[in-house]
Amino acid sequence: MKRFAVFYIAVAALAAIALFVVGESTTTTALAIALIGCAGVGAVSLAFFAVGEAEDRERAKAAAPPDPKPAPPPVPPADPHPPRTLGLGPDRRRQRPPRRPR
């Protein structure tokens, strides 16, 4: 639909320009001015039509129920091989001396 409207507006504008250039009489000048006006009104109407369609799509998207939440990812199983401490827990390990300042 928009394609046809754009085509008709372009044809009206080209015809108006041709009449304006070729015509020397008052009638052809008036007809050219009328066609230019119709093409301008058609172009503005198409712009408002496009904005209205975008608003309608946005309202329909906002009114639609939201997608359900995706399921949480599965919890990975516990590591069957814990790190080796060689029988020394963190509390039994020898403390390191403090670092020297540089």
PDB file of N, CA and C in Angstrom:
ATOM      1  N   MET A   1       0.826  -1.183   0.000  1.00  0.00           N
ATOM      2  CA  MET A   1       0.000   0.000   0.000  1.00  0.00           C
ATOM      3  C   MET A   1       0.877   1.255   0.000  1.00  0.00           C
ATOM      4  N   LYS A   2       1.888   1.261   0.855  1.00  0.00           N
ATOM      5  CA  LYS A   2       2.759   2.434   0.905  1.00  0.00           C
ATOM      6  C   LYS A   2       3.499   2.622  -0.410  1.00  0.00           C
ATOM      7  N   ARG A   3       3.865   1.505  -1.022  1.00  0.00           N
ATOM      8  CA  ARG A   3       4.602   1.580  -2.274  1.00  0.00           C
ATOM      9  C   ARG A   3       3.771   2.294  -3.344  1.00  0.00           C
ATOM     10  N   PHE A   4       2.475   1.953  -3.417  1.00  0.00           N
ATOM     11  CA  PHE A   4       1.600   2.593  -4.401  1.00  0.00           C
ATOM     12  C   PHE A   4       1.412   4.072  -4.084  1.00  0.00           C
ATOM     13  N   ALA A   5       1.273   4.398  -2.813  1.00  0.00           N
ATOM     14  CA  ALA A   5       1.087   5.798  -2.432  1.00  0.00           C
ATOM     15  C   ALA A   5       2.323   6.615  -2.788  1.00  0.00           C
ATOM     16  N   VAL A   6       3.493   6.069  -2.501  1.00  0.00           N
ATOM     17  CA  VAL A   6       4.729   6.779  -2.848  1.00  0.00           C
ATOM     18  C   VAL A   6       4.824   6.953  -4.361  1.00  0.00           C
ATOM     19  N   PHE A   7       4.439   5.924  -5.093  1.00  0.00           N
ATOM     20  CA  PHE A   7       4.466   6.004  -6.561  1.00  0.00           C
ATOM     21  C   PHE A   7       3.537   7.100  -7.064  1.00  0.00           C
ATOM     22  N   TYR A   8       2.309   7.162  -6.543  1.00  0.00           N
ATOM     23  CA  TYR A   8       1.354   8.167  -6.997  1.00  0.00           C
ATOM     24  C   TYR A   8       1.796   9.580  -6.616  1.00  0.00           C
ATOM     25  N   ILE A   9       2.399   9.722  -5.448  1.00  0.00           N
ATOM     26  CA  ILE A   9       2.892  11.039  -5.042  1.00  0.00           C
ATOM     27  C   ILE A   9       4.038  11.473  -5.968  1.00  0.00           C
ATOM     28  N   ALA A  10       4.925  10.546  -6.290  1.00  0.00           N
ATOM     29  CA  ALA A  10       6.030  10.868  -7.190  1.00  0.00           C
ATOM     30  C   ALA A  10       5.512  11.238  -8.578  1.00  0.00           C
ATOM     31  N   VAL A  11       4.521  10.492  -9.065  1.00  0.00           N
ATOM     32  CA  VAL A  11       3.943  10.807 -10.382  1.00  0.00           C
ATOM     33  C   VAL A  11       3.293  12.183 -10.363  1.00  0.00           C
ATOM     34  N   ALA A  12       2.562  12.503  -9.283  1.00  0.00           N
ATOM     35  CA  ALA A  12       1.909  13.810  -9.186  1.00  0.00           C
ATOM     36  C   ALA A  12       2.947  14.924  -9.146  1.00  0.00           C
ATOM     37  N   ALA A  13       4.015  14.699  -8.415  1.00  0.00           N
ATOM     38  CA  ALA A  13       5.050  15.736  -8.328  1.00  0.00           C
ATOM     39  C   ALA A  13       5.736  15.926  -9.683  1.00  0.00           C
ATOM     40  N   LEU A  14       6.065  14.834 -10.361  1.00  0.00           N
ATOM     41  CA  LEU A  14       6.700  14.952 -11.675  1.00  0.00           C
ATOM     42  C   LEU A  14       5.780  15.603 -12.702  1.00  0.00           C
ATOM     43  N   ALA A  15       4.507  15.225 -12.662  1.00  0.00           N
ATOM     44  CA  ALA A  15       3.549  15.841 -13.593  1.00  0.00           C
ATOM     45  C   ALA A  15       3.407  17.336 -13.312  1.00  0.00           C
ATOM     46  N   ALA A  16       3.386  17.686 -12.026  1.00  0.00           N
ATOM     47  CA  ALA A  16       3.266  19.096 -11.679  1.00  0.00           C
ATOM     48  C   ALA A  16       4.484  19.882 -12.154  1.00  0.00           C
ATOM     49  N   ILE A  17       5.656  19.303 -11.965  1.00  0.00           N
ATOM     50  CA  ILE A  17       6.871  19.985 -12.413  1.00  0.00           C
ATOM     51  C   ILE A  17       6.874  20.127 -13.932  1.00  0.00           C
ATOM     52  N   ALA A  18       6.446  19.070 -14.629  1.00  0.00           N
ATOM     53  CA  ALA A  18       6.394  19.133 -16.096  1.00  0.00           C
ATOM     54  C   ALA A  18       5.395  20.184 -16.563  1.00  0.00           C
ATOM     55  N   LEU A  19       4.224  20.223 -15.934  1.00  0.00           N
ATOM     56  CA  LEU A  19       3.231  21.224 -16.315  1.00  0.00           C
ATOM     57  C   LEU A  19       3.740  22.635 -16.017  1.00  0.00           C
ATOM     58  N   PHE A  20       4.421  22.793 -14.915  1.00  0.00           N
ATOM     59  CA  PHE A  20       4.918  24.100 -14.534  1.00  0.00           C
ATOM     60  C   PHE A  20       5.976  24.596 -15.521  1.00  0.00           C
ATOM     61  N   VAL A  21       6.814  23.664 -16.000  1.00  0.00           N
ATOM     62  CA  VAL A  21       7.872  24.043 -16.923  1.00  0.00           C
ATOM     63  C   VAL A  21       7.319  24.283 -18.325  1.00  0.00           C
ATOM     64  N   VAL A  22       6.442  23.362 -18.768  1.00  0.00           N
ATOM     65  CA  VAL A  22       5.951  23.417 -20.147  1.00  0.00           C
ATOM     66  C   VAL A  22       4.833  24.432 -20.323  1.00  0.00           C
ATOM     67  N   GLY A  23       3.913  24.449 -19.368  1.00  0.00           N
ATOM     68  CA  GLY A  23       2.718  25.283 -19.537  1.00  0.00           C
ATOM     69  C   GLY A  23       2.988  26.758 -19.380  1.00  0.00           C
ATOM     70  N   GLU A  24       2.380  27.518 -20.267  1.00  0.00           N
ATOM     71  CA  GLU A  24       2.518  28.971 -20.195  1.00  0.00           C
ATOM     72  C   GLU A  24       1.197  29.627 -19.847  1.00  0.00           C
ATOM     73  N   SER A  25       0.133  28.861 -19.873  1.00  0.00           N
ATOM     74  CA  SER A  25      -1.166  29.470 -19.594  1.00  0.00           C
ATOM     75  C   SER A  25      -1.451  29.442 -18.091  1.00  0.00           C
ATOM     76  N   THR A  26      -2.444  30.222 -17.714  1.00  0.00           N
ATOM     77  CA  THR A  26      -2.840  30.293 -16.312  1.00  0.00           C
ATOM     78  C   THR A  26      -3.423  28.969 -15.847  1.00  0.00           C
ATOM     79  N   THR A  27      -4.135  28.275 -16.730  1.00  0.00           N
ATOM     80  CA  THR A  27      -4.770  27.006 -16.368  1.00  0.00           C
ATOM     81  C   THR A  27      -3.715  25.940 -16.050  1.00  0.00           C
ATOM     82  N   THR A  28      -2.692  25.811 -16.865  1.00  0.00           N
ATOM     83  CA  THR A  28      -1.670  24.800 -16.603  1.00  0.00           C
ATOM     84  C   THR A  28      -0.855  25.151 -15.352  1.00  0.00           C
ATOM     85  N   THR A  29      -0.631  26.426 -15.124  1.00  0.00           N
ATOM     86  CA  THR A  29       0.080  26.838 -13.909  1.00  0.00           C
ATOM     87  C   THR A  29      -0.754  26.495 -12.676  1.00  0.00           C
ATOM     88  N   ALA A  30      -2.052  26.766 -12.724  1.00  0.00           N
ATOM     89  CA  ALA A  30      -2.936  26.441 -11.597  1.00  0.00           C
ATOM     90  C   ALA A  30      -2.986  24.936 -11.376  1.00  0.00           C
ATOM     91  N   LEU A  31      -3.066  24.170 -12.471  1.00  0.00           N
ATOM     92  CA  LEU A  31      -3.094  22.708 -12.356  1.00  0.00           C
ATOM     93  C   LEU A  31      -1.781  22.186 -11.768  1.00  0.00           C
ATOM     94  N   ALA A  32      -0.660  22.759 -12.158  1.00  0.00           N
ATOM     95  CA  ALA A  32       0.637  22.346 -11.619  1.00  0.00           C
ATOM     96  C   ALA A  32       0.725  22.650 -10.129  1.00  0.00           C
ATOM     97  N   ILE A  33       0.254  23.829  -9.736  1.00  0.00           N
ATOM     98  CA  ILE A  33       0.270  24.189  -8.312  1.00  0.00           C
ATOM     99  C   ILE A  33      -0.635  23.253  -7.522  1.00  0.00           C
ATOM    100  N   ALA A  34      -1.779  22.895  -8.062  1.00  0.00           N
ATOM    101  CA  ALA A  34      -2.693  21.971  -7.380  1.00  0.00           C
ATOM    102  C   ALA A  34      -2.061  20.582  -7.239  1.00  0.00           C
ATOM    103  N   LEU A  35      -1.384  20.113  -8.291  1.00  0.00           N
ATOM    104  CA  LEU A  35      -0.731  18.807  -8.210  1.00  0.00           C
ATOM    105  C   LEU A  35       0.415  18.810  -7.202  1.00  0.00           C
ATOM    106  N   ILE A  36       1.162  19.901  -7.158  1.00  0.00           N
ATOM    107  CA  ILE A  36       2.232  20.004  -6.166  1.00  0.00           C
ATOM    108  C   ILE A  36       1.642  19.982  -4.756  1.00  0.00           C
ATOM    109  N   GLY A  37       0.552  20.666  -4.549  1.00  0.00           N
ATOM    110  CA  GLY A  37      -0.112  20.657  -3.237  1.00  0.00           C
ATOM    111  C   GLY A  37      -0.608  19.270  -2.864  1.00  0.00           C
ATOM    112  N   CYS A  38      -1.213  18.577  -3.834  1.00  0.00           N
ATOM    113  CA  CYS A  38      -1.691  17.210  -3.561  1.00  0.00           C
ATOM    114  C   CYS A  38      -0.538  16.281  -3.239  1.00  0.00           C
ATOM    115  N   ALA A  39       0.565  16.413  -3.945  1.00  0.00           N
ATOM    116  CA  ALA A  39       1.730  15.576  -3.664  1.00  0.00           C
ATOM    117  C   ALA A  39       2.284  15.875  -2.270  1.00  0.00           C
ATOM    118  N   GLY A  40       2.302  17.128  -1.879  1.00  0.00           N
ATOM    119  CA  GLY A  40       2.781  17.490  -0.536  1.00  0.00           C
ATOM    120  C   GLY A  40       1.878  16.946   0.551  1.00  0.00           C
ATOM    121  N   VAL A  41       0.566  17.076   0.367  1.00  0.00           N
ATOM    122  CA  VAL A  41      -0.386  16.532   1.338  1.00  0.00           C
ATOM    123  C   VAL A  41      -0.246  15.014   1.417  1.00  0.00           C
ATOM    124  N   GLY A  42      -0.071  14.361   0.282  1.00  0.00           N
ATOM    125  CA  GLY A  42       0.110  12.910   0.281  1.00  0.00           C
ATOM    126  C   GLY A  42       1.375  12.490   1.006  1.00  0.00           C
ATOM    127  N   ALA A  43       2.452  13.230   0.821  1.00  0.00           N
ATOM    128  CA  ALA A  43       3.712  12.894   1.492  1.00  0.00           C
ATOM    129  C   ALA A  43       3.586  13.049   3.005  1.00  0.00           C
ATOM    130  N   VAL A  44       2.953  14.130   3.454  1.00  0.00           N
ATOM    131  CA  VAL A  44       2.759  14.332   4.890  1.00  0.00           C
ATOM    132  C   VAL A  44       1.835  13.255   5.452  1.00  0.00           C
ATOM    133  N   SER A  45       0.806  12.891   4.701  1.00  0.00           N
ATOM    134  CA  SER A  45      -0.111  11.840   5.146  1.00  0.00           C
ATOM    135  C   SER A  45       0.615  10.510   5.295  1.00  0.00           C
ATOM    136  N   LEU A  46       1.502  10.189   4.383  1.00  0.00           N
ATOM    137  CA  LEU A  46       2.278   8.951   4.494  1.00  0.00           C
ATOM    138  C   LEU A  46       3.177   8.964   5.722  1.00  0.00           C
ATOM    139  N   ALA A  47       3.752  10.107   6.020  1.00  0.00           N
ATOM    140  CA  ALA A  47       4.609  10.193   7.202  1.00  0.00           C
ATOM    141  C   ALA A  47       3.805   9.935   8.473  1.00  0.00           C
ATOM    142  N   PHE A  48       2.637  10.563   8.580  1.00  0.00           N
ATOM    143  CA  PHE A  48       1.784  10.328   9.754  1.00  0.00           C
ATOM    144  C   PHE A  48       1.282   8.890   9.798  1.00  0.00           C
ATOM    145  N   PHE A  49       0.998   8.315   8.652  1.00  0.00           N
ATOM    146  CA  PHE A  49       0.551   6.916   8.598  1.00  0.00           C
ATOM    147  C   PHE A  49       1.640   5.982   9.111  1.00  0.00           C
ATOM    148  N   ALA A  50       2.896   6.229   8.713  1.00  0.00           N
ATOM    149  CA  ALA A  50       4.010   5.396   9.176  1.00  0.00           C
ATOM    150  C   ALA A  50       4.204   5.519  10.682  1.00  0.00           C
ATOM    151  N   VAL A  51       4.091   6.739  11.211  1.00  0.00           N
ATOM    152  CA  VAL A  51       4.237   6.933  12.651  1.00  0.00           C
ATOM    153  C   VAL A  51       3.094   6.235  13.390  1.00  0.00           C
ATOM    154  N   GLY A  52       1.888   6.324  12.878  1.00  0.00           N
ATOM    155  CA  GLY A  52       0.743   5.655  13.507  1.00  0.00           C
ATOM    156  C   GLY A  52       0.900   4.145  13.528  1.00  0.00           C
ATOM    157  N   GLU A  53       1.382   3.579  12.440  1.00  0.00           N
ATOM    158  CA  GLU A  53       1.598   2.126  12.410  1.00  0.00           C
ATOM    159  C   GLU A  53       2.653   1.709  13.428  1.00  0.00           C
ATOM    160  N   ALA A  54       3.702   2.489  13.563  1.00  0.00           N
ATOM    161  CA  ALA A  54       4.750   2.170  14.533  1.00  0.00           C
ATOM    162  C   ALA A  54       4.191   2.229  15.959  1.00  0.00           C
ATOM    163  N   GLU A  55       3.358   3.227  16.249  1.00  0.00           N
ATOM    164  CA  GLU A  55       2.757   3.323  17.577  1.00  0.00           C
ATOM    165  C   GLU A  55       1.822   2.146  17.839  1.00  0.00           C
ATOM    166  N   ASP A  56       1.047   1.745  16.829  1.00  0.00           N
ATOM    167  CA  ASP A  56       0.149   0.600  17.003  1.00  0.00           C
ATOM    168  C   ASP A  56       0.930  -0.672  17.295  1.00  0.00           C
ATOM    169  N   ARG A  57       2.042  -0.884  16.581  1.00  0.00           N
ATOM    170  CA  ARG A  57       2.865  -2.070  16.850  1.00  0.00           C
ATOM    171  C   ARG A  57       3.433  -2.027  18.263  1.00  0.00           C
ATOM    172  N   GLU A  58       3.856  -0.840  18.697  1.00  0.00           N
ATOM    173  CA  GLU A  58       4.423  -0.711  20.033  1.00  0.00           C
ATOM    174  C   GLU A  58       3.367  -0.979  21.105  1.00  0.00           C
ATOM    175  N   ARG A  59       2.154  -0.458  20.921  1.00  0.00           N
ATOM    176  CA  ARG A  59       1.075  -0.718  21.882  1.00  0.00           C
ATOM    177  C   ARG A  59       0.707  -2.191  21.930  1.00  0.00           C
ATOM    178  N   ALA A  60       0.653  -2.832  20.765  1.00  0.00           N
ATOM    179  CA  ALA A  60       0.324  -4.261  20.732  1.00  0.00           C
ATOM    180  C   ALA A  60       1.407  -5.080  21.425  1.00  0.00           C
ATOM    181  N   LYS A  61       2.653  -4.681  21.254  1.00  0.00           N
ATOM    182  CA  LYS A  61       3.748  -5.395  21.908  1.00  0.00           C
ATOM    183  C   LYS A  61       3.680  -5.199  23.417  1.00  0.00           C
ATOM    184  N   ALA A  62       3.335  -3.987  23.865  1.00  0.00           N
ATOM    185  CA  ALA A  62       3.245  -3.718  25.300  1.00  0.00           C
ATOM    186  C   ALA A  62       2.045  -4.430  25.923  1.00  0.00           C
ATOM    187  N   ALA A  63       0.961  -4.601  25.178  1.00  0.00           N
ATOM    188  CA  ALA A  63      -0.240  -5.244  25.713  1.00  0.00           C
ATOM    189  C   ALA A  63      -0.123  -6.757  25.722  1.00  0.00           C
ATOM    190  N   ALA A  64       0.755  -7.306  24.914  1.00  0.00           N
ATOM    191  CA  ALA A  64       0.908  -8.757  24.857  1.00  0.00           C
ATOM    192  C   ALA A  64       1.506  -9.253  26.171  1.00  0.00           C
ATOM    193  N   PRO A  65       1.107 -10.438  26.596  1.00  0.00           N
ATOM    194  CA  PRO A  65       1.683 -10.958  27.843  1.00  0.00           C
ATOM    195  C   PRO A  65       3.173 -11.199  27.665  1.00  0.00           C
ATOM    196  N   PRO A  66       3.945 -10.919  28.707  1.00  0.00           N
ATOM    197  CA  PRO A  66       5.387 -11.110  28.580  1.00  0.00           C
ATOM    198  C   PRO A  66       5.722 -12.594  28.459  1.00  0.00           C
ATOM    199  N   ASP A  67       6.857 -12.840  27.871  1.00  0.00           N
ATOM    200  CA  ASP A  67       7.311 -14.218  27.737  1.00  0.00           C
ATOM    201  C   ASP A  67       7.583 -14.791  29.126  1.00  0.00           C
ATOM    202  N   PRO A  68       7.290 -16.068  29.321  1.00  0.00           N
ATOM    203  CA  PRO A  68       7.583 -16.640  30.638  1.00  0.00           C
ATOM    204  C   PRO A  68       9.083 -16.630  30.903  1.00  0.00           C
ATOM    205  N   LYS A  69       9.417 -16.588  32.193  1.00  0.00           N
ATOM    206  CA  LYS A  69      10.836 -16.570  32.550  1.00  0.00           C
ATOM    207  C   LYS A  69      11.479 -17.876  32.132  1.00  0.00           C
ATOM    208  N   PRO A  70      12.668 -17.796  31.607  1.00  0.00           N
ATOM    209  CA  PRO A  70      13.343 -19.044  31.247  1.00  0.00           C
ATOM    210  C   PRO A  70      13.726 -19.816  32.506  1.00  0.00           C
ATOM    211  N   ALA A  71      13.796 -21.120  32.369  1.00  0.00           N
ATOM    212  CA  ALA A  71      14.159 -21.959  33.501  1.00  0.00           C
ATOM    213  C   ALA A  71      15.601 -21.659  33.910  1.00  0.00           C
ATOM    214  N   PRO A  72      15.868 -21.673  35.209  1.00  0.00           N
ATOM    215  CA  PRO A  72      17.247 -21.407  35.623  1.00  0.00           C
ATOM    216  C   PRO A  72      18.165 -22.518  35.137  1.00  0.00           C
ATOM    217  N   PRO A  73      19.420 -22.188  34.909  1.00  0.00           N
ATOM    218  CA  PRO A  73      20.341 -23.216  34.413  1.00  0.00           C
ATOM    219  C   PRO A  73      20.521 -24.304  35.470  1.00  0.00           C
ATOM    220  N   PRO A  74      20.753 -25.527  35.064  1.00  0.00           N
ATOM    221  CA  PRO A  74      20.907 -26.592  36.048  1.00  0.00           C
ATOM    222  C   PRO A  74      22.161 -26.388  36.892  1.00  0.00           C
ATOM    223  N   VAL A  75      22.062 -26.794  38.147  1.00  0.00           N
ATOM    224  CA  VAL A  75      23.182 -26.649  39.071  1.00  0.00           C
ATOM    225  C   VAL A  75      24.195 -27.752  38.764  1.00  0.00           C
ATOM    226  N   PRO A  76      25.450 -27.407  38.569  1.00  0.00           N
ATOM    227  CA  PRO A  76      26.432 -28.451  38.270  1.00  0.00           C
ATOM    228  C   PRO A  76      26.639 -29.333  39.507  1.00  0.00           C
ATOM    229  N   PRO A  77      26.931 -30.591  39.315  1.00  0.00           N
ATOM    230  CA  PRO A  77      27.136 -31.469  40.464  1.00  0.00           C
ATOM    231  C   PRO A  77      28.408 -31.067  41.222  1.00  0.00           C
ATOM    232  N   ALA A  78      28.443 -31.463  42.490  1.00  0.00           N
ATOM    233  CA  ALA A  78      29.605 -31.137  43.319  1.00  0.00           C
ATOM    234  C   ALA A  78      30.828 -31.855  42.769  1.00  0.00           C
ATOM    235  N   ASP A  79      31.979 -31.241  42.972  1.00  0.00           N
ATOM    236  CA  ASP A  79      33.226 -31.813  42.474  1.00  0.00           C
ATOM    237  C   ASP A  79      33.551 -33.085  43.256  1.00  0.00           C
ATOM    238  N   PRO A  80      33.640 -34.238  42.594  1.00  0.00           N
ATOM    239  CA  PRO A  80      33.927 -35.468  43.338  1.00  0.00           C
ATOM    240  C   PRO A  80      35.378 -35.551  43.794  1.00  0.00           C
ATOM    241  N   HIS A  81      36.238 -34.705  43.287  1.00  0.00           N
ATOM    242  CA  HIS A  81      37.647 -34.729  43.649  1.00  0.00           C
ATOM    243  C   HIS A  81      38.036 -33.412  44.308  1.00  0.00           C
ATOM    244  N   PRO A  82      37.940 -33.327  45.637  1.00  0.00           N
ATOM    245  CA  PRO A  82      38.327 -32.069  46.297  1.00  0.00           C
ATOM    246  C   PRO A  82      39.836 -31.868  46.193  1.00  0.00           C
ATOM    247  N   PRO A  83      40.309 -30.640  46.339  1.00  0.00           N
ATOM    248  CA  PRO A  83      41.753 -30.393  46.235  1.00  0.00           C
ATOM    249  C   PRO A  83      42.511 -31.101  47.370  1.00  0.00           C
ATOM    250  N   ARG A  84      43.706 -31.551  47.080  1.00  0.00           N
ATOM    251  CA  ARG A  84      44.512 -32.255  48.079  1.00  0.00           C
ATOM    252  C   ARG A  84      45.212 -31.247  48.982  1.00  0.00           C
ATOM    253  N   THR A  85      45.171 -31.528  50.276  1.00  0.00           N
ATOM    254  CA  THR A  85      45.869 -30.664  51.229  1.00  0.00           C
ATOM    255  C   THR A  85      46.970 -31.426  51.954  1.00  0.00           C
ATOM    256  N   LEU A  86      47.174 -32.698  51.598  1.00  0.00           N
ATOM    257  CA  LEU A  86      48.202 -33.541  52.199  1.00  0.00           C
ATOM    258  C   LEU A  86      48.039 -33.648  53.712  1.00  0.00           C
ATOM    259  N   GLY A  87      46.781 -33.675  54.144  1.00  0.00           N
ATOM    260  CA  GLY A  87      46.502 -33.840  55.564  1.00  0.00           C
ATOM    261  C   GLY A  87      46.651 -32.579  56.370  1.00  0.00           C
ATOM    262  N   LEU A  88      47.058 -31.486  55.753  1.00  0.00           N
ATOM    263  CA  LEU A  88      47.210 -30.229  56.477  1.00  0.00           C
ATOM    264  C   LEU A  88      46.067 -29.296  56.117  1.00  0.00           C
ATOM    265  N   GLY A  89      45.227 -29.021  57.032  1.00  0.00           N
ATOM    266  CA  GLY A  89      44.129 -28.090  56.797  1.00  0.00           C
ATOM    267  C   GLY A  89      44.653 -26.668  56.770  1.00  0.00           C
ATOM    268  N   PRO A  90      43.829 -25.721  56.408  1.00  0.00           N
ATOM    269  CA  PRO A  90      44.292 -24.336  56.337  1.00  0.00           C
ATOM    270  C   PRO A  90      44.756 -23.809  57.691  1.00  0.00           C
ATOM    271  N   ASP A  91      44.208 -24.328  58.796  1.00  0.00           N
ATOM    272  CA  ASP A  91      44.602 -23.829  60.096  1.00  0.00           C
ATOM    273  C   ASP A  91      45.916 -24.454  60.569  1.00  0.00           C
ATOM    274  N   ARG A  92      46.380 -25.576  59.975  1.00  0.00           N
ATOM    275  CA  ARG A  92      47.591 -26.238  60.408  1.00  0.00           C
ATOM    276  C   ARG A  92      48.774 -25.887  59.521  1.00  0.00           C
ATOM    277  N   ARG A  93      48.556 -25.189  58.444  1.00  0.00           N
ATOM    278  CA  ARG A  93      49.671 -24.830  57.573  1.00  0.00           C
ATOM    279  C   ARG A  93      50.550 -23.785  58.244  1.00  0.00           C
ATOM    280  N   ARG A  94      51.802 -23.830  57.894  1.00  0.00           N
ATOM    281  CA  ARG A  94      52.744 -22.869  58.467  1.00  0.00           C
ATOM    282  C   ARG A  94      52.463 -21.496  57.880  1.00  0.00           C
ATOM    283  N   GLN A  95      52.435 -20.508  58.707  1.00  0.00           N
ATOM    284  CA  GLN A  95      52.187 -19.142  58.264  1.00  0.00           C
ATOM    285  C   GLN A  95      53.413 -18.607  57.552  1.00  0.00           C
ATOM    286  N   ARG A  96      53.214 -17.856  56.526  1.00  0.00           N
ATOM    287  CA  ARG A  96      54.319 -17.244  55.801  1.00  0.00           C
ATOM    288  C   ARG A  96      54.769 -15.989  56.537  1.00  0.00           C
ATOM    289  N   PRO A  97      56.038 -15.687  56.446  1.00  0.00           N
ATOM    290  CA  PRO A  97      56.502 -14.445  57.086  1.00  0.00           C
ATOM    291  C   PRO A  97      55.959 -13.242  56.318  1.00  0.00           C
ATOM    292  N   PRO A  98      55.830 -12.121  56.982  1.00  0.00           N
ATOM    293  CA  PRO A  98      55.315 -10.924  56.278  1.00  0.00           C
ATOM    294  C   PRO A  98      56.278 -10.497  55.174  1.00  0.00           C
ATOM    295  N   ARG A  99      55.749  -9.866  54.160  1.00  0.00           N
ATOM    296  CA  ARG A  99      56.554  -9.410  53.040  1.00  0.00           C
ATOM    297  C   ARG A  99      57.343  -8.170  53.423  1.00  0.00           C
ATOM    298  N   ARG A 100      58.543  -8.089  52.867  1.00  0.00           N
ATOM    299  CA  ARG A 100      59.370  -6.920  53.115  1.00  0.00           C
ATOM    300  C   ARG A 100      58.870  -5.767  52.257  1.00  0.00           C
ATOM    301  N   PRO A 101      58.864  -4.594  52.786  1.00  0.00           N
ATOM    302  CA  PRO A 101      58.494  -3.448  51.929  1.00  0.00           C
ATOM    303  C   PRO A 101      59.582  -3.180  50.913  1.00  0.00           C
ATOM    304  N   ARG A 102      59.231  -2.735  49.782  1.00  0.00           N
ATOM    305  CA  ARG A 102      60.191  -2.467  48.704  1.00  0.00           C
ATOM    306  C   ARG A 102      60.750  -1.096  48.776  1.00  0.00           C
TER     307      ARG A 102
END
